[in-house]
């Protein structure tokens, strides 16, 4: 499984066949085998209810703390002559 986070409280979990995205709109479920370009949201389709429940249970309940942001971009010049 792959878990990604776009922003606080918004995660996507992918198991190789299906992906579930929890968002403020109510969630999105995509069947990658039959709909590889993710046009159809199956989150409200009763035929996908067990997939949605399983993936949704795999999401974290809380977010991890964000890593510190680096201000160094790798292009800074040394002040030594």
Protein backbone atom coordinates (compact mmCIF):
# COMPACT_ATOMS: atom_id res chain seq x y z
CA UNK A 1 0.00 0.00 0.00
CA UNK A 2 1.03 3.57 -0.64
CA UNK A 3 -0.08 6.46 1.55
CA UNK A 4 0.33 10.08 0.51
CA UNK A 5 -0.79 13.34 2.07
CA UNK A 6 -1.66 16.45 0.09
CA UNK A 7 -2.49 18.67 3.03
CA UNK A 8 -3.56 18.30 6.64
CA UNK A 9 -6.40 15.81 6.90
CA UNK A 10 -6.31 14.93 3.19
CA UNK A 11 -4.80 11.51 2.45
CA UNK A 12 -4.72 9.12 -0.49
CA UNK A 13 -4.22 5.41 -0.03
CA UNK A 14 -3.53 3.09 -2.97
CA UNK A 15 -3.40 -0.71 -2.85
CA UNK A 16 -2.47 -1.43 -6.45
CA UNK A 17 -6.06 -1.80 -7.67
CA UNK A 18 -8.03 0.90 -5.88
CA UNK A 19 -7.29 4.28 -4.38
CA UNK A 20 -9.30 6.16 -1.78
CA UNK A 21 -8.89 9.87 -1.15
CA UNK A 22 -10.45 11.40 1.93
CA UNK A 23 -11.26 15.03 1.39
CA UNK A 24 -13.71 17.66 2.55
CA UNK A 25 -16.16 16.75 -0.22
CA UNK A 26 -16.79 13.24 1.11
CA UNK A 27 -14.13 11.04 -0.45
CA UNK A 28 -13.20 9.58 -3.79
CA UNK A 29 -12.72 5.94 -4.69
CA UNK A 30 -11.13 4.95 -7.98
CA UNK A 31 -10.89 1.53 -9.64
CA UNK A 32 -7.54 1.69 -11.43
CA UNK A 33 -7.96 -1.64 -13.21
CA UNK A 34 -11.18 -0.68 -15.02
CA UNK A 35 -10.74 3.11 -14.99
CA UNK A 36 -6.99 3.86 -15.15
CA UNK A 37 -7.47 7.58 -15.79
CA UNK A 38 -9.77 7.92 -12.77
CA UNK A 39 -12.84 9.45 -14.40
CA UNK A 40 -15.47 7.72 -12.27
CA UNK A 41 -15.72 8.28 -8.54
CA UNK A 42 -17.00 5.00 -7.09
CA UNK A 43 -17.26 6.24 -3.48
CA UNK A 44 -21.08 6.17 -3.53
CA UNK A 45 -21.37 3.01 -5.62
CA UNK A 46 -22.71 0.19 -3.35
CA UNK A 47 -20.73 -2.35 -5.38
CA UNK A 48 -17.49 -0.81 -4.09
CA UNK A 49 -18.58 -0.36 -0.45
CA UNK A 50 -16.28 -3.08 0.93
CA UNK A 51 -13.27 -1.63 -0.94
CA UNK A 52 -14.03 1.84 0.40
CA UNK A 53 -14.41 0.60 3.98
CA UNK A 54 -11.17 -1.40 3.84
CA UNK A 55 -9.11 1.46 2.38
CA UNK A 56 -10.69 4.07 4.65
CA UNK A 57 -9.79 1.97 7.72
CA UNK A 58 -6.18 1.96 6.55
CA UNK A 59 -5.92 5.76 6.69
CA UNK A 60 -4.22 7.38 9.68
CA UNK A 61 -6.49 8.91 12.29
CA UNK A 62 -4.15 11.84 12.88
CA UNK A 63 -1.47 13.57 10.85
CA UNK A 64 2.20 13.28 11.65
CA UNK A 65 3.99 16.52 12.35
CA UNK A 66 5.33 18.14 9.21
CA UNK A 67 9.05 18.05 8.58
CA UNK A 68 10.89 21.36 8.92
CA UNK A 69 11.18 23.33 5.70
CA UNK A 70 14.71 23.94 4.46
CA UNK A 71 15.51 27.43 3.23
CA UNK A 72 18.64 26.20 1.45
CA UNK A 73 18.07 25.72 -2.27
CA UNK A 74 21.55 24.41 -3.12
CA UNK A 75 22.45 27.45 -5.26
CA UNK A 76 23.87 29.72 -2.60
CA UNK A 77 27.36 31.05 -3.23
CA UNK A 78 30.03 30.84 -0.60
CA UNK A 79 31.02 34.15 0.97
CA UNK A 80 34.68 33.07 0.87
CA UNK A 81 36.67 34.65 -1.95
